[in-house]
């Protein structure tokens, strides 16, 4: 549906305008205030997506389309549907929190840091809105540089290694993504329009190779096993805001790519490769959980837990039924909320003890009751205790897995138990463990700035946990349409691929 306003353009480019304003300022206090004000304003501007979104249609909404490069039929085209709208709102919600958690922590190159955060926000929102492949690719590549700088300039001791590893992995995936886009351009009538490219039926050979290129590009971003090795290093070395953005938004771009491109554009190849993807998802669930159990560093524990949680999400996507895909999209939002909160909590304790080791931070609950209450709630949400947002998402995914194959669900189920094990193991030591810090000075509990950062996430944990209907309502019609597209496709055979049909 065409839209006469330009709401999405405002949401996308307001942070970029803010970056220009910040570049003109010299006073660090004003730089921080303007950056925070712009991100809060962008969140407010994005709220009409919630209030005015039509949940009765799967069509793109708030569409804007302007010719860009006529010679190659490239347009500036943006729009949202039930798959992307909540991800945009998550992005605009989390970014102000990243500014707040960096308020006192980032003391060097403050102007450059705020500019990078604002440019990154524009790129992230642009990815979820783009309806033209060239525009999508521009935003996708634009994300790479700011995130590389956040890790490489403001990160920890091994920041250069972690930043290069992140850069090389992501760049390799981006090159394959570009190849897939160019193939679709020439096969689909020389257009980069994403909606137009969903309509043709491509040959088995084309679908096979396009899916593989898409799969590797998006699997690196998720990241799926065995493409996950860049993630723990990136999380550990990134500043708190970098870890929050990475976990809450950037990882979701991989699963968003599967939903937006693989399932509707190359459904036959997607069905053929689904057993492989489901197998890798199960490995990720169990491997990520076992690795999290073995960690002594709080950030690494949360990082490996993300590998397991993202495994649940990819499992939900590739069981090809409404319960699984709805659960996957909801869990993308849930993981963004919960993991962002956990990384914020890790950053808050690190600011006080200057260590992320569980052994060093043991027993802090006796001095920081508000902090450990928050940490406990978000930990319970992470392993899906009833009443929190994590429960309904995992439940829907497991129901979808049972509908697909009960054995698949049985293999995935221990991942929930392992998640409870490593989170409760961590909590037991943080809350009730013995003091092992050399410095026995009292630790200050959370201040108002830190509480205000966590409070919106806390509200969402219980809102989705007790009343998920509004969130599921956004995606229901779009998911039903996507499931119909996949289920009406005929599974492909390798003989068709290499036979040239």
Protein backbone atom coordinates (compact mmCIF):
# COMPACT_ATOMS: atom_id res chain seq x y z
CA UNK A 1 0.00 0.00 0.00
CA UNK A 2 1.41 3.37 -1.03
CA UNK A 3 1.89 5.97 1.66
CA UNK A 4 1.75 9.70 1.01
CA UNK A 5 3.92 10.74 3.96
CA UNK A 6 7.60 10.18 4.64
CA UNK A 7 7.53 8.71 8.14
CA UNK A 8 10.07 5.98 7.39
CA UNK A 9 12.53 8.44 5.88
CA UNK A 10 12.34 10.52 9.04
CA UNK A 11 12.96 7.44 11.19
CA UNK A 12 15.87 6.31 9.01
CA UNK A 13 17.68 9.61 8.50
CA UNK A 14 17.00 11.54 11.71
CA UNK A 15 20.02 9.88 13.41
CA UNK A 16 22.15 10.80 10.39
CA UNK A 17 21.06 14.43 10.75
CA UNK A 18 21.98 14.12 14.42
CA UNK A 19 25.43 12.86 13.47
CA UNK A 20 25.98 16.01 11.39
CA UNK A 21 24.86 18.20 14.30
CA UNK A 22 27.18 16.37 16.69
CA UNK A 23 30.07 16.86 14.27
CA UNK A 24 29.57 20.64 14.53
CA UNK A 25 29.74 20.69 18.34
CA UNK A 26 32.82 20.97 20.54
CA UNK A 27 31.55 20.75 24.10
CA UNK A 28 31.41 17.08 25.18
CA UNK A 29 28.43 17.67 27.44
CA UNK A 30 26.40 19.07 24.54
CA UNK A 31 27.62 16.28 22.27
CA UNK A 32 26.21 13.69 24.67
CA UNK A 33 22.96 15.60 25.18
CA UNK A 34 22.33 16.11 21.46
CA UNK A 35 23.11 12.45 20.66
CA UNK A 36 20.73 11.28 23.40
CA UNK A 37 18.06 13.77 22.35
CA UNK A 38 18.22 12.67 18.72
CA UNK A 39 17.91 8.96 19.57
CA UNK A 40 15.01 9.61 21.95
CA UNK A 41 13.33 11.77 19.29
CA UNK A 42 13.80 8.98 16.75
CA UNK A 43 12.09 6.53 19.10
CA UNK A 44 9.17 8.95 19.52
CA UNK A 45 8.95 9.47 15.75
CA UNK A 46 8.82 5.68 15.27
CA UNK A 47 5.84 5.19 17.62
CA UNK A 48 3.23 5.77 14.85
CA UNK A 49 4.47 2.47 13.40
CA UNK A 50 2.87 0.88 16.47
CA UNK A 51 -0.30 2.96 16.57
CA UNK A 52 -1.07 3.20 12.83
CA UNK A 53 0.07 -0.21 11.59
CA UNK A 54 -2.71 -2.21 9.91
CA UNK A 55 -2.54 -5.74 11.32
CA UNK A 56 -5.15 -7.10 8.88
CA UNK A 57 -2.90 -7.11 5.79
CA UNK A 58 0.39 -8.70 4.80
CA UNK A 59 1.14 -5.91 2.31
CA UNK A 60 3.97 -3.44 2.82
CA UNK A 61 2.88 -0.29 4.65
CA UNK A 62 4.19 3.28 4.93
CA UNK A 63 5.75 2.71 1.50
CA UNK A 64 7.91 5.45 -0.05
CA UNK A 65 9.27 5.04 -3.57
CA UNK A 66 11.47 7.56 -5.41
CA UNK A 67 13.58 6.90 -8.56
CA UNK A 68 17.27 6.87 -7.65
CA UNK A 69 19.48 5.52 -10.47
CA UNK A 70 17.24 5.15 -13.52
CA UNK A 71 19.90 3.57 -15.74
CA UNK A 72 19.84 0.41 -13.60
CA UNK A 73 16.23 0.65 -12.42
CA UNK A 74 17.32 1.39 -8.85
CA UNK A 75 14.88 3.15 -6.53
CA UNK A 76 14.85 4.57 -3.06
CA UNK A 77 12.06 2.29 -1.82
CA UNK A 78 11.21 1.66 1.83
CA UNK A 79 8.30 0.03 3.64
CA UNK A 80 7.44 -2.22 6.58
CA UNK A 81 5.31 -5.28 7.21
CA UNK A 82 4.58 -7.53 10.17
CA UNK A 83 8.02 -9.13 9.94
CA UNK A 84 10.03 -5.90 10.16
CA UNK A 85 7.95 -3.39 12.13
CA UNK A 86 8.82 -4.69 15.61
CA UNK A 87 12.52 -4.90 14.72
CA UNK A 88 12.52 -1.21 13.78
CA UNK A 89 10.86 -0.30 17.09
CA UNK A 90 13.41 -2.45 18.94
CA UNK A 91 16.25 -0.60 17.20
CA UNK A 92 14.93 2.86 18.06
CA UNK A 93 14.33 1.74 21.67
CA UNK A 94 17.76 0.22 22.27
CA UNK A 95 19.89 2.99 20.74
CA UNK A 96 19.14 5.65 23.42
CA UNK A 97 20.09 3.05 26.03
CA UNK A 98 23.45 2.65 24.30
CA UNK A 99 24.00 6.41 24.60
CA UNK A 100 23.02 6.34 28.29
CA UNK A 101 25.24 3.40 29.21
CA UNK A 102 28.19 5.17 27.52
CA UNK A 103 27.59 8.48 29.31
CA UNK A 104 30.45 8.18 31.79
CA UNK A 105 32.26 5.16 30.41
CA UNK A 106 33.37 6.67 27.09
CA UNK A 107 35.85 9.46 27.86
CA UNK A 108 38.03 9.50 24.74
CA UNK A 109 36.91 10.66 21.28
CA UNK A 110 33.39 11.25 22.54
CA UNK A 111 32.32 13.15 19.42
CA UNK A 112 33.50 10.40 17.08
CA UNK A 113 31.84 7.75 19.25
CA UNK A 114 28.45 9.46 19.19
CA UNK A 115 28.68 10.03 15.43
CA UNK A 116 29.43 6.34 14.89
CA UNK A 117 26.46 5.27 17.04
CA UNK A 118 24.09 7.58 15.16
CA UNK A 119 25.31 6.48 11.72
CA UNK A 120 24.94 2.86 12.82
CA UNK A 121 21.33 3.49 13.88
CA UNK A 122 20.50 4.88 10.44
CA UNK A 123 22.04 1.82 8.78
CA UNK A 124 20.25 -0.67 11.04
CA UNK A 125 16.82 0.88 10.52
CA UNK A 126 17.51 1.14 6.78
CA UNK A 127 18.16 -2.59 6.52
CA UNK A 128 14.75 -3.40 8.00
CA UNK A 129 12.95 -0.87 5.77
CA UNK A 130 14.65 -1.33 2.37
CA UNK A 131 12.50 -2.61 -0.51
CA UNK A 132 15.25 -2.25 -3.11
CA UNK A 133 18.20 -4.64 -3.08
CA UNK A 134 20.81 -1.95 -3.81
CA UNK A 135 19.45 0.21 -1.01
CA UNK A 136 19.41 -2.83 1.27
CA UNK A 137 23.01 -3.62 0.40
CA UNK A 138 24.13 -0.02 0.97
CA UNK A 139 22.63 -0.04 4.47
CA UNK A 140 23.97 -3.57 5.12
CA UNK A 141 27.53 -2.53 4.22
CA UNK A 142 27.25 0.80 6.04
CA UNK A 143 26.72 -1.12 9.31
CA UNK A 144 30.08 -2.81 8.96
CA UNK A 145 32.30 0.27 9.39
CA UNK A 146 30.66 1.78 12.52
CA UNK A 147 30.61 -1.58 14.30
CA UNK A 148 34.23 -2.21 13.32
CA UNK A 149 35.18 1.18 14.79
CA UNK A 150 33.18 0.64 18.00
CA UNK A 151 35.08 -2.59 18.65
CA UNK A 152 38.47 -1.52 17.28
CA UNK A 153 38.71 1.98 18.78
CA UNK A 154 36.75 1.81 22.05
CA UNK A 155 37.13 -1.91 22.81
CA UNK A 156 39.30 -3.88 25.23
CA UNK A 157 42.90 -5.05 25.10
CA UNK A 158 42.40 -7.45 22.16
CA UNK A 159 40.12 -5.06 20.29
CA UNK A 160 42.16 -4.98 17.07
CA UNK A 161 42.07 -8.78 16.72
CA UNK A 162 38.34 -8.93 17.50
CA UNK A 163 37.53 -6.05 15.13
CA UNK A 164 39.47 -7.57 12.22
CA UNK A 165 37.86 -10.96 12.81
CA UNK A 166 34.41 -9.39 12.81
CA UNK A 167 35.26 -7.35 9.70
CA UNK A 168 36.62 -10.28 7.67
CA UNK A 169 33.76 -12.64 8.52
CA UNK A 170 31.12 -10.02 7.74
CA UNK A 171 32.85 -8.85 4.57
CA UNK A 172 33.03 -12.42 3.26
CA UNK A 173 29.30 -12.80 3.84
CA UNK A 174 28.62 -9.44 2.19
CA UNK A 175 30.44 -10.46 -0.98
CA UNK A 176 28.30 -13.59 -1.27
CA UNK A 177 25.21 -11.49 -0.63
CA UNK A 178 26.23 -9.17 -3.49
CA UNK A 179 26.68 -12.14 -5.83
CA UNK A 180 23.18 -13.43 -4.98
CA UNK A 181 21.68 -9.97 -5.56
CA UNK A 182 23.34 -9.64 -8.98
CA UNK A 183 22.17 -13.12 -10.02
CA UNK A 184 18.59 -12.24 -9.07
CA UNK A 185 18.91 -8.92 -10.93
CA UNK A 186 19.75 -10.63 -14.22
CA UNK A 187 17.29 -13.51 -13.77
CA UNK A 188 14.42 -11.35 -12.54
CA UNK A 189 14.12 -8.93 -15.43
CA UNK A 190 16.94 -6.54 -14.50
CA UNK A 191 15.30 -5.01 -11.47
CA UNK A 192 16.47 -4.64 -7.88
CA UNK A 193 12.93 -4.28 -6.52
CA UNK A 194 12.61 -6.85 -3.74
CA UNK A 195 8.85 -7.36 -4.09
CA UNK A 196 9.13 -7.82 -7.86
CA UNK A 197 11.93 -10.37 -7.44
CA UNK A 198 9.69 -12.50 -5.21
CA UNK A 199 7.27 -13.19 -8.07
CA UNK A 200 9.31 -15.07 -10.72
CA UNK A 201 9.85 -18.83 -10.42
CA UNK A 202 13.59 -19.35 -10.76
CA UNK A 203 15.20 -22.52 -12.09
CA UNK A 204 16.33 -25.20 -9.66
CA UNK A 205 19.98 -24.47 -10.43
CA UNK A 206 19.54 -20.74 -9.80
CA UNK A 207 17.65 -21.33 -6.55
CA UNK A 208 20.32 -23.76 -5.34
CA UNK A 209 23.23 -21.32 -5.74
CA UNK A 210 21.30 -18.22 -4.68
CA UNK A 211 20.17 -19.95 -1.49
CA UNK A 212 23.72 -21.04 -0.67
CA UNK A 213 25.01 -17.49 -1.12
CA UNK A 214 22.18 -16.07 0.97
CA UNK A 215 22.60 -18.78 3.60
CA UNK A 216 26.31 -18.19 4.21
CA UNK A 217 25.85 -14.39 4.27
CA UNK A 218 23.03 -14.54 6.80
CA UNK A 219 24.44 -17.48 8.80
CA UNK A 220 27.59 -15.44 9.46
CA UNK A 221 25.50 -12.55 10.75
CA UNK A 222 23.25 -14.69 13.02
CA UNK A 223 25.82 -16.31 13.69
CA UNK A 224 25.02 -19.98 13.13
CA UNK A 225 27.37 -22.84 13.93
CA UNK A 226 30.08 -23.14 12.53
CA UNK A 227 30.27 -19.44 11.55
CA UNK A 228 29.99 -18.26 15.17
CA UNK A 229 33.64 -17.95 16.19
CA UNK A 230 33.81 -14.18 15.68
CA UNK A 231 30.99 -13.52 18.15
CA UNK A 232 32.58 -14.25 21.58
CA UNK A 233 35.67 -12.17 20.73
CA UNK A 234 33.56 -9.28 19.43
CA UNK A 235 31.33 -9.28 22.52
CA UNK A 236 34.18 -9.54 25.02
CA UNK A 237 36.24 -6.75 23.46
CA UNK A 238 33.41 -4.38 22.52
CA UNK A 239 32.33 -1.66 24.97
CA UNK A 240 28.98 -2.26 26.64
CA UNK A 241 27.04 -0.28 24.02
CA UNK A 242 28.71 -2.26 21.24
CA UNK A 243 27.68 -5.56 22.83
CA UNK A 244 24.13 -4.29 23.33
CA UNK A 245 23.74 -3.23 19.69
CA UNK A 246 25.41 -6.38 18.42
CA UNK A 247 23.22 -8.73 20.45
CA UNK A 248 19.92 -6.88 20.29
CA UNK A 249 19.86 -5.76 16.64
CA UNK A 250 22.76 -6.83 14.42
CA UNK A 251 22.37 -10.58 15.00
CA UNK A 252 18.70 -10.30 14.05
CA UNK A 253 19.62 -9.10 10.58
CA UNK A 254 20.74 -12.61 9.69
CA UNK A 255 17.45 -14.20 10.71
CA UNK A 256 15.58 -11.29 9.10
CA UNK A 257 17.42 -12.10 5.86
CA UNK A 258 16.21 -15.70 6.00
CA UNK A 259 12.62 -14.53 6.47
CA UNK A 260 12.70 -11.72 3.93
CA UNK A 261 14.67 -13.38 1.11
CA UNK A 262 15.28 -17.13 1.45
CA UNK A 263 11.75 -18.30 2.24
CA UNK A 264 9.76 -16.19 -0.27
CA UNK A 265 12.33 -15.85 -3.10
CA UNK A 266 13.85 -19.33 -3.32
CA UNK A 267 11.33 -21.50 -1.44
CA UNK A 268 12.12 -24.76 -3.24
CA UNK A 269 15.82 -24.56 -2.40
CA UNK A 270 14.97 -23.44 1.14
CA UNK A 271 12.86 -26.56 1.64
CA UNK A 272 15.63 -28.77 0.24
CA UNK A 273 18.25 -27.30 2.57
CA UNK A 274 15.98 -27.11 5.62
CA UNK A 275 17.18 -30.42 7.17
CA UNK A 276 20.75 -29.09 7.07
CA UNK A 277 19.75 -25.76 8.63
CA UNK A 278 17.66 -27.48 11.31
CA UNK A 279 20.60 -29.78 12.09
CA UNK A 280 22.96 -26.81 12.46
CA UNK A 281 20.37 -25.05 14.62
CA UNK A 282 20.20 -28.03 16.98
CA UNK A 283 24.00 -28.12 17.18
CA UNK A 284 24.02 -24.38 17.98
CA UNK A 285 21.41 -24.82 20.72
CA UNK A 286 23.36 -27.56 22.49
CA UNK A 287 26.88 -26.32 21.72
CA UNK A 288 26.13 -22.73 22.76
CA UNK A 289 24.54 -23.90 25.99
CA UNK A 290 27.40 -26.24 26.92
CA UNK A 291 29.97 -23.54 26.13
CA UNK A 292 28.05 -21.04 28.28
CA UNK A 293 28.18 -23.53 31.16
CA UNK A 294 31.97 -23.59 30.93
CA UNK A 295 32.53 -19.82 31.03
CA UNK A 296 34.00 -17.88 33.94
CA UNK A 297 33.67 -14.50 32.19
CA UNK A 298 30.21 -12.91 32.39
CA UNK A 299 30.35 -11.45 28.89
CA UNK A 300 31.45 -14.73 27.34
CA UNK A 301 28.65 -16.53 29.14
CA UNK A 302 26.04 -14.16 27.67
CA UNK A 303 27.76 -14.31 24.25
CA UNK A 304 27.62 -18.11 24.07
CA UNK A 305 24.05 -18.07 25.36
CA UNK A 306 23.25 -15.97 22.28
CA UNK A 307 24.55 -18.76 20.05
CA UNK A 308 22.06 -21.13 21.67
CA UNK A 309 19.15 -18.69 21.61
CA UNK A 310 19.74 -17.80 17.97
CA UNK A 311 19.77 -21.54 17.26
CA UNK A 312 16.20 -21.70 18.59
CA UNK A 313 15.24 -18.81 16.31
CA UNK A 314 16.64 -20.41 13.14
CA UNK A 315 14.96 -23.68 14.14
CA UNK A 316 11.62 -21.87 14.38
CA UNK A 317 12.09 -20.28 10.96
CA UNK A 318 12.94 -23.49 9.13
CA UNK A 319 10.12 -25.69 10.46
CA UNK A 320 7.89 -23.75 8.03
CA UNK A 321 4.74 -23.46 10.12
CA UNK A 322 2.96 -20.50 11.69
CA UNK A 323 3.76 -21.42 15.30
CA UNK A 324 7.46 -21.83 14.59
CA UNK A 325 7.89 -18.64 12.56
CA UNK A 326 5.76 -16.54 14.91
CA UNK A 327 7.80 -17.85 17.81
CA UNK A 328 11.02 -17.11 15.95
CA UNK A 329 10.08 -13.48 15.21
CA UNK A 330 8.84 -12.94 18.76
CA UNK A 331 12.01 -14.54 20.10
CA UNK A 332 14.09 -12.19 17.94
CA UNK A 333 12.47 -9.34 19.86
CA UNK A 334 12.73 -11.17 23.20
CA UNK A 335 16.39 -11.98 22.72
CA UNK A 336 17.06 -8.37 21.79
CA UNK A 337 15.39 -7.17 24.99
CA UNK A 338 16.82 -9.74 27.40
CA UNK A 339 20.36 -9.96 26.06
CA UNK A 340 20.64 -6.17 25.82
CA UNK A 341 19.63 -6.01 29.49
CA UNK A 342 22.13 -8.71 30.47
CA UNK A 343 24.99 -6.94 28.70
CA UNK A 344 23.96 -3.68 30.38
CA UNK A 345 24.06 -5.48 33.74
CA UNK A 346 27.52 -6.89 32.98
CA UNK A 347 28.73 -3.40 32.04
CA UNK A 348 27.33 -1.93 35.27
CA UNK A 349 29.18 -4.40 37.49
CA UNK A 350 32.36 -4.02 35.40
CA UNK A 351 32.26 -0.25 35.99
CA UNK A 352 32.44 -0.96 39.73
CA UNK A 353 34.82 -3.92 40.04
CA UNK A 354 36.75 -3.54 36.75
CA UNK A 355 36.39 -7.27 36.17
CA UNK A 356 33.95 -9.50 34.32
CA UNK A 357 35.07 -12.69 36.07
CA UNK A 358 32.31 -14.44 37.99
CA UNK A 359 34.76 -15.31 40.77
CA UNK A 360 35.75 -11.67 41.28
CA UNK A 361 32.13 -10.48 41.30
CA UNK A 362 30.80 -13.20 43.59
CA UNK A 363 28.77 -12.07 46.56
CA UNK A 364 27.89 -8.61 45.24
CA UNK A 365 24.22 -9.27 45.91
CA UNK A 366 24.72 -8.47 49.58
CA UNK A 367 25.74 -4.91 48.69
CA UNK A 368 23.69 -4.35 45.51
CA UNK A 369 20.17 -5.73 46.09
CA UNK A 370 18.54 -3.68 43.30
CA UNK A 371 21.22 -4.77 40.84
CA UNK A 372 20.89 -8.48 41.58
CA UNK A 373 17.09 -8.24 41.42
CA UNK A 374 17.37 -6.85 37.90
CA UNK A 375 20.01 -9.41 36.96
CA UNK A 376 17.84 -12.24 38.29
CA UNK A 377 14.73 -11.11 36.39
CA UNK A 378 16.59 -10.81 33.09
CA UNK A 379 18.32 -14.16 33.70
CA UNK A 380 14.95 -15.83 34.33
CA UNK A 381 13.68 -14.24 31.12
CA UNK A 382 16.70 -15.58 29.25
CA UNK A 383 15.84 -19.21 29.99
CA UNK A 384 12.12 -18.66 29.55
CA UNK A 385 10.51 -18.88 32.96
CA UNK A 386 6.69 -18.50 32.70
CA UNK A 387 5.55 -14.91 33.10
CA UNK A 388 8.55 -13.49 31.26
CA UNK A 389 8.90 -12.70 27.57
CA UNK A 390 11.27 -15.60 26.88
CA UNK A 391 8.64 -18.21 27.77
CA UNK A 392 6.06 -17.57 25.05
CA UNK A 393 8.67 -17.31 22.27
CA UNK A 394 10.38 -20.58 23.15
CA UNK A 395 7.02 -22.29 23.67
CA UNK A 396 5.81 -21.33 20.18
CA UNK A 397 9.08 -22.50 18.62
CA UNK A 398 8.89 -25.85 20.42
CA UNK A 399 5.22 -26.26 19.42
CA UNK A 400 6.21 -25.55 15.82
CA UNK A 401 9.05 -28.07 16.11
CA UNK A 402 6.65 -30.72 17.43
CA UNK A 403 4.33 -30.07 14.47
CA UNK A 404 7.30 -30.51 12.14
CA UNK A 405 8.91 -33.52 13.82
CA UNK A 406 8.66 -34.49 17.48
CA UNK A 407 12.21 -35.89 17.47
CA UNK A 408 13.54 -32.46 16.47
CA UNK A 409 11.68 -30.90 19.41
CA UNK A 410 13.02 -33.56 21.78
CA UNK A 411 16.61 -32.81 20.73
CA UNK A 412 16.07 -29.05 21.17
CA UNK A 413 14.37 -29.30 24.57
CA UNK A 414 17.57 -29.89 26.62
CA UNK A 415 18.72 -26.47 25.41
CA UNK A 416 16.07 -24.90 27.66
CA UNK A 417 17.27 -26.92 30.65
CA UNK A 418 20.91 -26.07 29.96
CA UNK A 419 20.01 -22.37 29.70
CA UNK A 420 18.44 -22.58 33.15
CA UNK A 421 21.54 -24.38 34.43
CA UNK A 422 24.13 -21.82 33.31
CA UNK A 423 22.02 -18.82 34.29
CA UNK A 424 21.23 -20.20 37.76
CA UNK A 425 24.89 -21.23 38.19
CA UNK A 426 25.94 -17.66 37.44
CA UNK A 427 23.26 -16.15 39.69
CA UNK A 428 24.13 -18.40 42.62
CA UNK A 429 27.72 -17.16 42.58
CA UNK A 430 26.96 -13.51 41.92
CA UNK A 431 24.23 -13.25 44.56
CA UNK A 432 25.31 -15.65 47.30
CA UNK A 433 28.95 -16.41 46.55
CA UNK A 434 31.81 -15.54 48.87
CA UNK A 435 33.65 -12.24 48.54
CA UNK A 436 36.91 -12.85 46.67
CA UNK A 437 37.76 -9.29 45.61
CA UNK A 438 41.00 -7.90 46.97
CA UNK A 439 39.32 -4.51 47.32
CA UNK A 440 36.63 -4.94 49.99
CA UNK A 441 35.28 -1.39 49.68
CA UNK A 442 31.46 -1.24 49.49
CA UNK A 443 29.90 -1.25 46.03
CA UNK A 444 27.27 1.34 45.15
CA UNK A 445 23.92 0.00 43.98
CA UNK A 446 22.34 1.13 40.71
CA UNK A 447 21.91 4.88 40.28
CA UNK A 448 18.94 6.58 38.63
CA UNK A 449 20.62 6.75 35.22
CA UNK A 450 21.29 3.00 35.26
CA UNK A 451 17.78 2.23 36.50
CA UNK A 452 16.22 4.40 33.79
CA UNK A 453 18.24 2.47 31.21
CA UNK A 454 16.98 -0.91 32.42
CA UNK A 455 13.38 0.02 33.27
CA UNK A 456 11.92 0.01 29.70
CA UNK A 457 13.41 -3.44 29.14
CA UNK A 458 12.02 -4.65 32.46
CA UNK A 459 8.53 -3.44 31.50
CA UNK A 460 8.75 -5.26 28.15
CA UNK A 461 9.87 -8.50 29.83
CA UNK A 462 6.61 -8.67 31.80
CA UNK A 463 4.37 -7.05 29.17
CA UNK A 464 5.26 -9.68 26.57
CA UNK A 465 5.36 -12.38 29.24
CA UNK A 466 1.81 -11.74 30.46
CA UNK A 467 0.15 -10.21 27.38
CA UNK A 468 1.92 -11.11 24.12
CA UNK A 469 -1.21 -10.67 21.97
CA UNK A 470 -0.39 -7.17 20.60
CA UNK A 471 3.09 -8.28 19.54
CA UNK A 472 1.86 -11.49 17.93
CA UNK A 473 -0.94 -9.54 16.25
CA UNK A 474 1.57 -7.45 14.30
CA UNK A 475 3.11 -10.48 12.63
CA UNK A 476 0.22 -12.96 12.36
CA UNK A 477 -1.08 -12.10 8.87
CA UNK A 478 2.42 -11.62 7.41
CA UNK A 479 3.54 -14.96 8.85
CA UNK A 480 0.47 -16.78 7.49
CA UNK A 481 1.20 -15.36 4.03
CA UNK A 482 4.86 -16.40 4.26
CA UNK A 483 3.96 -19.91 5.40
CA UNK A 484 1.55 -20.25 2.47
CA UNK A 485 4.30 -19.21 0.04
CA UNK A 486 6.65 -21.88 1.37
CA UNK A 487 4.14 -24.69 1.81
CA UNK A 488 2.83 -24.34 -1.75
CA UNK A 489 6.35 -24.72 -3.17
CA UNK A 490 7.57 -28.10 -4.38
CA UNK A 491 10.71 -29.50 -2.72
CA UNK A 492 13.71 -29.55 -5.02
CA UNK A 493 15.95 -32.53 -5.77
CA UNK A 494 19.68 -32.49 -6.46
CA UNK A 495 19.07 -34.22 -9.78
CA UNK A 496 17.05 -31.17 -10.87
CA UNK A 497 19.89 -28.83 -9.89
CA UNK A 498 22.69 -30.53 -11.72
CA UNK A 499 20.41 -31.61 -14.52
CA UNK A 500 19.90 -27.92 -15.34
CA UNK A 501 16.12 -27.80 -14.83
